[in-house]
Amino acid sequence: MITPQNRDREAALSYIERYFLPSSALLGMVGMGGLFLLSTYQWQRHTLTVPAFTREMTIGLMAGLLSLLHARYQYFILENFPRHYAELSSRADRMVLSRPAAIVHPRRRLVVMGYVAGILLFLLAVGFLHRGVSWIGVVSFAMAGFFITRVAFWKKVVETARANGSGGGQ
């Protein structure tokens, strides 16, 4: 039976497929391209060292973890407030740039504090780990880690939803 909840969830999944996945994949590939170019350059100049690569990889893994936590919160919104993404999809189709109303839930303040803490911790780690590492490497590893993780997470969500029947949820 088609319910407004299922219709909203379907529109939300469509929004994720049309906007989240392509843009995230593109940015992830830009990060990977930067990694490839930087690694090739460092390899040719004999400046590619294991400690520097390990630091860059650690930054990429931390960005991936931040991305996973962020995507998990977005998934919470998808499951509990699919109308939010349905509205975003509708606005994107009409090319309206305004944002829908903010989502209110009991632990919203905790989420905001978590975002701030995660970003500060990440920046602190970047400041600590970037010694001897090119900023291009830091940015490339962070971009690749964040966006490739996001693509993997949302691709799995969309595939699972489609396999369970056109995105209709609970």
N, C-alpha and C. Protein backbone atom coordinates (compact mmCIF):
# COMPACT_ATOMS: atom_id res chain seq x y z
N MET A 1 0.84 -1.18 0.00
CA MET A 1 0.00 0.00 0.00
C MET A 1 0.89 1.24 0.00
N ILE A 2 0.55 2.18 -0.86
CA ILE A 2 1.33 3.41 -0.95
C ILE A 2 0.81 4.41 0.08
N THR A 3 1.69 4.78 0.98
CA THR A 3 1.35 5.74 2.03
C THR A 3 2.18 7.01 1.81
N PRO A 4 1.78 8.12 2.44
CA PRO A 4 2.61 9.32 2.33
C PRO A 4 4.03 9.09 2.83
N GLN A 5 4.18 8.25 3.86
CA GLN A 5 5.51 7.94 4.41
C GLN A 5 6.36 7.24 3.35
N ASN A 6 5.77 6.26 2.64
CA ASN A 6 6.51 5.55 1.59
C ASN A 6 6.84 6.47 0.43
N ARG A 7 5.92 7.35 0.07
CA ARG A 7 6.15 8.29 -1.02
C ARG A 7 7.30 9.24 -0.65
N ASP A 8 7.29 9.72 0.59
CA ASP A 8 8.38 10.58 1.05
C ASP A 8 9.71 9.85 1.05
N ARG A 9 9.68 8.60 1.49
CA ARG A 9 10.92 7.82 1.53
C ARG A 9 11.45 7.58 0.12
N GLU A 10 10.56 7.30 -0.81
CA GLU A 10 10.97 7.11 -2.20
C GLU A 10 11.58 8.39 -2.77
N ALA A 11 10.94 9.53 -2.51
CA ALA A 11 11.49 10.81 -2.97
C ALA A 11 12.84 11.08 -2.31
N ALA A 12 12.96 10.72 -1.03
CA ALA A 12 14.23 10.92 -0.32
C ALA A 12 15.33 10.06 -0.93
N LEU A 13 15.04 8.82 -1.23
CA LEU A 13 16.03 7.94 -1.85
C LEU A 13 16.41 8.44 -3.24
N SER A 14 15.44 8.97 -3.96
CA SER A 14 15.71 9.55 -5.27
C SER A 14 16.65 10.75 -5.13
N TYR A 15 16.41 11.58 -4.12
CA TYR A 15 17.28 12.74 -3.87
C TYR A 15 18.70 12.28 -3.57
N ILE A 16 18.82 11.26 -2.75
CA ILE A 16 20.14 10.73 -2.39
C ILE A 16 20.86 10.21 -3.64
N GLU A 17 20.13 9.47 -4.49
CA GLU A 17 20.74 8.93 -5.71
C GLU A 17 21.15 10.02 -6.70
N ARG A 18 20.33 11.06 -6.81
CA ARG A 18 20.59 12.10 -7.81
C ARG A 18 21.55 13.18 -7.33
N TYR A 19 21.64 13.43 -6.02
CA TYR A 19 22.45 14.55 -5.54
C TYR A 19 23.58 14.13 -4.61
N PHE A 20 23.30 13.29 -3.61
CA PHE A 20 24.36 12.88 -2.68
C PHE A 20 25.44 12.08 -3.40
N LEU A 21 25.01 11.01 -4.08
CA LEU A 21 25.99 10.08 -4.64
C LEU A 21 26.86 10.68 -5.75
N PRO A 22 26.30 11.32 -6.76
CA PRO A 22 27.19 11.84 -7.82
C PRO A 22 28.16 12.92 -7.32
N SER A 23 27.68 13.84 -6.50
CA SER A 23 28.58 14.90 -6.03
C SER A 23 29.65 14.33 -5.11
N SER A 24 29.27 13.41 -4.25
CA SER A 24 30.26 12.80 -3.35
C SER A 24 31.27 11.97 -4.12
N ALA A 25 30.81 11.24 -5.13
CA ALA A 25 31.73 10.44 -5.94
C ALA A 25 32.71 11.34 -6.69
N LEU A 26 32.22 12.44 -7.23
CA LEU A 26 33.10 13.37 -7.94
C LEU A 26 34.17 13.94 -7.01
N LEU A 27 33.75 14.40 -5.84
CA LEU A 27 34.72 14.96 -4.89
C LEU A 27 35.69 13.90 -4.37
N GLY A 28 35.21 12.69 -4.18
CA GLY A 28 36.09 11.59 -3.77
C GLY A 28 37.13 11.28 -4.84
N MET A 29 36.71 11.32 -6.09
CA MET A 29 37.65 11.07 -7.19
C MET A 29 38.66 12.20 -7.32
N VAL A 30 38.24 13.44 -7.05
CA VAL A 30 39.19 14.56 -7.05
C VAL A 30 40.26 14.32 -5.98
N GLY A 31 39.82 13.89 -4.80
CA GLY A 31 40.77 13.57 -3.73
C GLY A 31 41.71 12.44 -4.12
N MET A 32 41.16 11.41 -4.75
CA MET A 32 41.99 10.29 -5.18
C MET A 32 42.97 10.72 -6.27
N GLY A 33 42.52 11.59 -7.16
CA GLY A 33 43.42 12.12 -8.20
C GLY A 33 44.57 12.90 -7.58
N GLY A 34 44.26 13.71 -6.56
CA GLY A 34 45.31 14.44 -5.86
C GLY A 34 46.29 13.49 -5.20
N LEU A 35 45.78 12.41 -4.62
CA LEU A 35 46.66 11.40 -4.00
C LEU A 35 47.58 10.78 -5.04
N PHE A 36 47.01 10.42 -6.17
CA PHE A 36 47.81 9.79 -7.22
C PHE A 36 48.90 10.73 -7.72
N LEU A 37 48.53 11.98 -8.01
CA LEU A 37 49.51 12.93 -8.53
C LEU A 37 50.60 13.23 -7.50
N LEU A 38 50.18 13.45 -6.25
CA LEU A 38 51.17 13.74 -5.21
C LEU A 38 52.10 12.55 -4.97
N SER A 39 51.53 11.35 -4.91
CA SER A 39 52.36 10.16 -4.68
C SER A 39 53.34 9.95 -5.83
N THR A 40 52.88 10.16 -7.06
CA THR A 40 53.76 10.01 -8.21
C THR A 40 54.89 11.03 -8.15
N TYR A 41 54.53 12.27 -7.84
CA TYR A 41 55.54 13.33 -7.73
C TYR A 41 56.56 13.00 -6.64
N GLN A 42 56.08 12.59 -5.46
CA GLN A 42 56.99 12.27 -4.36
C GLN A 42 57.83 11.05 -4.68
N TRP A 43 57.27 10.09 -5.37
CA TRP A 43 58.00 8.88 -5.73
C TRP A 43 59.17 9.24 -6.67
N GLN A 44 58.88 10.09 -7.64
CA GLN A 44 59.93 10.47 -8.60
C GLN A 44 61.02 11.30 -7.94
N ARG A 45 60.69 12.10 -6.96
CA ARG A 45 61.69 12.93 -6.27
C ARG A 45 62.32 12.20 -5.09
N HIS A 46 61.92 10.98 -4.85
CA HIS A 46 62.42 10.16 -3.73
C HIS A 46 62.14 10.81 -2.38
N THR A 47 60.98 11.46 -2.26
CA THR A 47 60.60 12.09 -0.99
C THR A 47 59.40 11.40 -0.35
N LEU A 48 58.92 10.33 -0.97
CA LEU A 48 57.79 9.59 -0.42
C LEU A 48 58.32 8.68 0.68
N THR A 49 57.99 9.02 1.93
CA THR A 49 58.48 8.24 3.07
C THR A 49 57.32 7.54 3.76
N VAL A 50 57.63 6.47 4.43
CA VAL A 50 56.60 5.71 5.15
C VAL A 50 55.97 6.55 6.26
N PRO A 51 56.74 7.28 7.08
CA PRO A 51 56.09 8.08 8.13
C PRO A 51 55.14 9.14 7.57
N ALA A 52 55.54 9.81 6.49
CA ALA A 52 54.66 10.83 5.90
C ALA A 52 53.41 10.17 5.33
N PHE A 53 53.57 9.05 4.64
CA PHE A 53 52.42 8.35 4.08
C PHE A 53 51.49 7.86 5.19
N THR A 54 52.06 7.38 6.29
CA THR A 54 51.26 6.92 7.42
C THR A 54 50.47 8.07 8.03
N ARG A 55 51.08 9.22 8.15
CA ARG A 55 50.36 10.40 8.68
C ARG A 55 49.21 10.79 7.76
N GLU A 56 49.49 10.82 6.46
CA GLU A 56 48.45 11.16 5.50
C GLU A 56 47.32 10.13 5.55
N MET A 57 47.68 8.87 5.64
CA MET A 57 46.67 7.81 5.70
C MET A 57 45.83 7.92 6.96
N THR A 58 46.46 8.27 8.08
CA THR A 58 45.73 8.47 9.33
C THR A 58 44.72 9.60 9.20
N ILE A 59 45.11 10.67 8.56
CA ILE A 59 44.19 11.78 8.32
C ILE A 59 43.03 11.33 7.44
N GLY A 60 43.31 10.56 6.41
CA GLY A 60 42.26 10.03 5.54
C GLY A 60 41.30 9.12 6.28
N LEU A 61 41.84 8.27 7.15
CA LEU A 61 40.99 7.37 7.94
C LEU A 61 40.13 8.13 8.94
N MET A 62 40.71 9.17 9.54
CA MET A 62 39.91 10.00 10.46
C MET A 62 38.79 10.72 9.71
N ALA A 63 39.09 11.22 8.52
CA ALA A 63 38.05 11.87 7.71
C ALA A 63 36.98 10.86 7.33
N GLY A 64 37.38 9.64 7.04
CA GLY A 64 36.41 8.59 6.74
C GLY A 64 35.52 8.29 7.93
N LEU A 65 36.10 8.28 9.12
CA LEU A 65 35.30 8.05 10.33
C LEU A 65 34.31 9.20 10.56
N LEU A 66 34.76 10.43 10.37
CA LEU A 66 33.85 11.57 10.48
C LEU A 66 32.72 11.46 9.46
N SER A 67 33.06 11.05 8.26
CA SER A 67 32.06 10.89 7.21
C SER A 67 31.04 9.82 7.58
N LEU A 68 31.52 8.72 8.15
CA LEU A 68 30.63 7.64 8.56
C LEU A 68 29.67 8.11 9.65
N LEU A 69 30.17 8.86 10.61
CA LEU A 69 29.31 9.38 11.67
C LEU A 69 28.30 10.38 11.11
N HIS A 70 28.74 11.23 10.20
CA HIS A 70 27.84 12.20 9.57
C HIS A 70 26.77 11.48 8.74
N ALA A 71 27.17 10.49 7.97
CA ALA A 71 26.22 9.74 7.14
C ALA A 71 25.24 8.96 8.02
N ARG A 72 25.72 8.48 9.15
CA ARG A 72 24.82 7.76 10.07
C ARG A 72 23.74 8.70 10.61
N TYR A 73 24.09 9.94 10.91
CA TYR A 73 23.09 10.91 11.36
C TYR A 73 22.13 11.24 10.22
N GLN A 74 22.65 11.39 9.01
CA GLN A 74 21.77 11.63 7.87
C GLN A 74 20.83 10.45 7.66
N TYR A 75 21.31 9.24 7.91
CA TYR A 75 20.47 8.05 7.79
C TYR A 75 19.37 8.07 8.86
N PHE A 76 19.72 8.51 10.06
CA PHE A 76 18.72 8.68 11.12
C PHE A 76 17.61 9.63 10.64
N ILE A 77 18.00 10.71 9.99
CA ILE A 77 17.01 11.65 9.45
C ILE A 77 16.18 10.98 8.37
N LEU A 78 16.81 10.22 7.50
CA LEU A 78 16.08 9.51 6.45
C LEU A 78 15.04 8.56 7.05
N GLU A 79 15.43 7.82 8.07
CA GLU A 79 14.52 6.86 8.67
C GLU A 79 13.39 7.51 9.45
N ASN A 80 13.67 8.60 10.13
CA ASN A 80 12.68 9.20 11.02
C ASN A 80 11.98 10.43 10.45
N PHE A 81 12.61 11.11 9.51
CA PHE A 81 12.05 12.32 8.91
C PHE A 81 12.25 12.31 7.39
N PRO A 82 11.71 11.31 6.69
CA PRO A 82 11.96 11.24 5.24
C PRO A 82 11.38 12.45 4.50
N ARG A 83 10.43 13.12 5.10
CA ARG A 83 9.83 14.29 4.47
C ARG A 83 10.88 15.39 4.24
N HIS A 84 11.89 15.44 5.10
CA HIS A 84 12.95 16.44 4.95
C HIS A 84 13.66 16.29 3.61
N TYR A 85 14.09 15.07 3.29
CA TYR A 85 14.78 14.84 2.02
C TYR A 85 13.81 14.93 0.84
N ALA A 86 12.56 14.56 1.05
CA ALA A 86 11.56 14.71 -0.01
C ALA A 86 11.39 16.20 -0.35
N GLU A 87 11.39 17.05 0.65
CA GLU A 87 11.30 18.50 0.41
C GLU A 87 12.55 19.00 -0.31
N LEU A 88 13.71 18.52 0.09
CA LEU A 88 14.95 18.91 -0.59
C LEU A 88 14.91 18.49 -2.06
N SER A 89 14.39 17.30 -2.32
CA SER A 89 14.28 16.82 -3.69
C SER A 89 13.34 17.71 -4.50
N SER A 90 12.21 18.04 -3.91
CA SER A 90 11.24 18.89 -4.58
C SER A 90 11.84 20.27 -4.88
N ARG A 91 12.55 20.82 -3.92
CA ARG A 91 13.18 22.13 -4.11
C ARG A 91 14.28 22.08 -5.17
N ALA A 92 15.03 21.00 -5.18
CA ALA A 92 16.10 20.86 -6.18
C ALA A 92 15.50 20.73 -7.58
N ASP A 93 14.41 20.00 -7.71
CA ASP A 93 13.77 19.85 -9.02
C ASP A 93 13.25 21.18 -9.54
N ARG A 94 12.78 22.03 -8.63
CA ARG A 94 12.25 23.34 -9.03
C ARG A 94 13.34 24.42 -9.02
N MET A 95 14.57 24.03 -8.65
CA MET A 95 15.73 24.94 -8.56
C MET A 95 15.48 26.06 -7.55
N VAL A 96 14.87 25.72 -6.45
CA VAL A 96 14.65 26.67 -5.36
C VAL A 96 15.81 26.53 -4.40
N LEU A 97 16.46 27.63 -4.05
CA LEU A 97 17.67 27.57 -3.22
C LEU A 97 17.40 27.65 -1.73
N SER A 98 16.19 27.93 -1.31
CA SER A 98 15.93 28.03 0.13
C SER A 98 15.96 26.65 0.77
N ARG A 99 16.16 26.64 2.07
CA ARG A 99 16.24 25.38 2.81
C ARG A 99 14.92 25.09 3.50
N PRO A 100 14.59 23.83 3.67
CA PRO A 100 13.37 23.50 4.43
C PRO A 100 13.57 23.80 5.91
N ALA A 101 12.49 23.73 6.65
CA ALA A 101 12.55 23.99 8.09
C ALA A 101 13.51 23.01 8.76
N ALA A 102 14.12 23.48 9.83
CA ALA A 102 15.07 22.63 10.58
C ALA A 102 14.33 21.46 11.23
N ILE A 103 15.02 20.36 11.32
CA ILE A 103 14.46 19.17 11.96
C ILE A 103 14.66 19.31 13.46
N VAL A 104 13.61 19.05 14.20
CA VAL A 104 13.69 19.14 15.66
C VAL A 104 13.45 17.74 16.23
N HIS A 105 14.40 17.31 17.02
CA HIS A 105 14.25 16.02 17.72
C HIS A 105 14.91 16.16 19.09
N PRO A 106 14.64 15.25 19.99
CA PRO A 106 15.08 15.42 21.38
C PRO A 106 16.58 15.57 21.58
N ARG A 107 17.40 14.98 20.76
CA ARG A 107 18.85 15.01 20.99
C ARG A 107 19.58 15.92 20.00
N ARG A 108 18.90 16.88 19.46
CA ARG A 108 19.51 17.76 18.45
C ARG A 108 20.72 18.51 19.01
N ARG A 109 20.63 19.01 20.23
CA ARG A 109 21.77 19.73 20.83
C ARG A 109 23.00 18.83 20.96
N LEU A 110 22.77 17.58 21.31
CA LEU A 110 23.87 16.63 21.41
C LEU A 110 24.54 16.44 20.05
N VAL A 111 23.73 16.40 19.01
CA VAL A 111 24.26 16.23 17.66
C VAL A 111 25.14 17.42 17.29
N VAL A 112 24.67 18.61 17.57
CA VAL A 112 25.46 19.81 17.26
C VAL A 112 26.78 19.79 18.03
N MET A 113 26.71 19.46 19.31
CA MET A 113 27.95 19.38 20.11
C MET A 113 28.87 18.29 19.56
N GLY A 114 28.31 17.19 19.10
CA GLY A 114 29.11 16.12 18.51
C GLY A 114 29.81 16.57 17.24
N TYR A 115 29.10 17.32 16.39
CA TYR A 115 29.71 17.86 15.18
C TYR A 115 30.88 18.77 15.53
N VAL A 116 30.65 19.68 16.44
CA VAL A 116 31.71 20.63 16.83
C VAL A 116 32.91 19.88 17.41
N ALA A 117 32.66 18.92 18.29
CA ALA A 117 33.75 18.15 18.90
C ALA A 117 34.50 17.35 17.84
N GLY A 118 33.79 16.72 16.92
CA GLY A 118 34.43 15.94 15.87
C GLY A 118 35.30 16.78 14.96
N ILE A 119 34.79 17.93 14.57
CA ILE A 119 35.55 18.82 13.69
C ILE A 119 36.78 19.36 14.40
N LEU A 120 36.62 19.76 15.67
CA LEU A 120 37.78 20.26 16.42
C LEU A 120 38.83 19.17 16.62
N LEU A 121 38.39 17.96 16.94
CA LEU A 121 39.32 16.85 17.12
C LEU A 121 40.05 16.56 15.80
N PHE A 122 39.32 16.59 14.70
CA PHE A 122 39.94 16.36 13.39
C PHE A 122 40.97 17.43 13.09
N LEU A 123 40.62 18.70 13.30
CA LEU A 123 41.56 19.79 13.03
C LEU A 123 42.78 19.72 13.94
N LEU A 124 42.57 19.33 15.19
CA LEU A 124 43.69 19.15 16.11
C LEU A 124 44.62 18.04 15.61
N ALA A 125 44.03 16.94 15.16
CA ALA A 125 44.84 15.83 14.64
C ALA A 125 45.59 16.24 13.38
N VAL A 126 44.93 16.99 12.50
CA VAL A 126 45.61 17.47 11.30
C VAL A 126 46.78 18.37 11.68
N GLY A 127 46.56 19.27 12.63
CA GLY A 127 47.64 20.13 13.09
C GLY A 127 48.80 19.35 13.67
N PHE A 128 48.50 18.27 14.38
CA PHE A 128 49.53 17.44 14.99
C PHE A 128 50.24 16.57 13.96
N LEU A 129 49.49 16.01 13.01
CA LEU A 129 50.04 15.04 12.08
C LEU A 129 50.64 15.62 10.80
N HIS A 130 50.36 16.87 10.49
CA HIS A 130 50.79 17.38 9.19
C HIS A 130 52.28 17.65 9.09
N ARG A 131 53.02 17.56 10.19
CA ARG A 131 54.46 17.81 10.15
C ARG A 131 55.13 16.94 9.08
N GLY A 132 55.84 17.58 8.18
CA GLY A 132 56.57 16.84 7.16
C GLY A 132 55.70 16.30 6.04
N VAL A 133 54.46 16.70 6.02
CA VAL A 133 53.53 16.21 5.01
C VAL A 133 53.02 17.41 4.21
N SER A 134 52.93 17.23 2.93
CA SER A 134 52.43 18.29 2.06
C SER A 134 50.96 18.56 2.37
N TRP A 135 50.57 19.83 2.32
CA TRP A 135 49.16 20.18 2.54
C TRP A 135 48.29 19.60 1.44
N ILE A 136 48.85 19.41 0.26
CA ILE A 136 48.10 18.78 -0.82
C ILE A 136 47.75 17.35 -0.42
N GLY A 137 48.69 16.67 0.21
CA GLY A 137 48.44 15.31 0.68
C GLY A 137 47.39 15.27 1.78
N VAL A 138 47.47 16.22 2.69
CA VAL A 138 46.49 16.28 3.79
C VAL A 138 45.09 16.49 3.23
N VAL A 139 44.95 17.46 2.35
CA VAL A 139 43.64 17.76 1.77
C VAL A 139 43.15 16.61 0.90
N SER A 140 44.04 16.04 0.09
CA SER A 140 43.64 14.95 -0.80
C SER A 140 43.20 13.72 -0.01
N PHE A 141 43.98 13.33 1.00
CA PHE A 141 43.60 12.17 1.80
C PHE A 141 42.31 12.43 2.56
N ALA A 142 42.14 13.63 3.09
CA ALA A 142 40.91 13.96 3.82
C ALA A 142 39.71 13.93 2.88
N MET A 143 39.85 14.53 1.71
CA MET A 143 38.73 14.51 0.74
C MET A 143 38.39 13.10 0.32
N ALA A 144 39.41 12.35 -0.03
CA ALA A 144 39.18 10.98 -0.49
C ALA A 144 38.53 10.15 0.63
N GLY A 145 39.06 10.24 1.84
CA GLY A 145 38.51 9.47 2.95
C GLY A 145 37.07 9.84 3.25
N PHE A 146 36.79 11.14 3.29
CA PHE A 146 35.44 11.60 3.63
C PHE A 146 34.43 11.20 2.55
N PHE A 147 34.72 11.53 1.31
CA PHE A 147 33.71 11.36 0.27
C PHE A 147 33.58 9.92 -0.22
N ILE A 148 34.66 9.16 -0.26
CA ILE A 148 34.55 7.75 -0.67
C ILE A 148 33.78 6.96 0.39
N THR A 149 33.98 7.27 1.67
CA THR A 149 33.20 6.63 2.72
C THR A 149 31.73 6.98 2.59
N ARG A 150 31.44 8.22 2.29
CA ARG A 150 30.06 8.67 2.12
C ARG A 150 29.39 7.94 0.96
N VAL A 151 30.10 7.80 -0.15
CA VAL A 151 29.55 7.09 -1.31
C VAL A 151 29.27 5.63 -0.96
N ALA A 152 30.23 4.98 -0.31
CA ALA A 152 30.05 3.57 0.05
C ALA A 152 28.85 3.39 0.97
N PHE A 153 28.71 4.26 1.97
CA PHE A 153 27.59 4.15 2.91
C PHE A 153 26.26 4.32 2.20
N TRP A 154 26.11 5.41 1.44
CA TRP A 154 24.82 5.70 0.81
C TRP A 154 24.50 4.75 -0.33
N LYS A 155 25.51 4.27 -1.03
CA LYS A 155 25.27 3.29 -2.09
C LYS A 155 24.67 2.02 -1.49
N LYS A 156 25.21 1.60 -0.34
CA LYS A 156 24.68 0.41 0.34
C LYS A 156 23.25 0.64 0.82
N VAL A 157 22.98 1.83 1.37
CA VAL A 157 21.63 2.15 1.84
C VAL A 157 20.63 2.10 0.69
N VAL A 158 20.98 2.73 -0.43
CA VAL A 158 20.06 2.78 -1.57
C VAL A 158 19.86 1.38 -2.16
N GLU A 159 20.93 0.62 -2.31
CA GLU A 159 20.81 -0.74 -2.84
C GLU A 159 19.94 -1.61 -1.95
N THR A 160 20.12 -1.51 -0.64
CA THR A 160 19.32 -2.29 0.30
C THR A 160 17.85 -1.88 0.23
N ALA A 161 17.59 -0.59 0.16
CA ALA A 161 16.21 -0.10 0.08
C ALA A 161 15.55 -0.58 -1.20
N ARG A 162 16.26 -0.52 -2.30
CA ARG A 162 15.69 -0.95 -3.59
C ARG A 162 15.47 -2.47 -3.58
N ALA A 163 16.38 -3.21 -2.99
CA ALA A 163 16.23 -4.67 -2.94
C ALA A 163 15.04 -5.06 -2.05
N ASN A 164 14.74 -4.26 -1.06
CA ASN A 164 13.62 -4.56 -0.16
C ASN A 164 12.30 -4.03 -0.69
N GLY A 165 12.30 -3.47 -1.88
CA GLY A 165 11.06 -3.07 -2.49
C GLY A 165 10.87 -1.59 -2.65
N SER A 166 11.35 -1.04 -3.71
CA SER A 166 11.15 0.34 -4.17
C SER A 166 11.36 1.42 -3.13
N GLY A 167 12.05 1.14 -2.06
CA GLY A 167 12.35 2.19 -1.09
C GLY A 167 11.29 2.37 -0.04
N GLY A 168 10.18 1.69 -0.15
CA GLY A 168 9.16 1.80 0.89
C GLY A 168 9.69 1.27 2.18
N GLY A 169 9.65 2.05 3.21
CA GLY A 169 10.28 1.71 4.49
C GLY A 169 9.41 0.91 5.40
N GLN A 170 9.47 1.25 6.64
CA GLN A 170 8.86 0.49 7.72
C GLN A 170 7.38 0.41 7.62
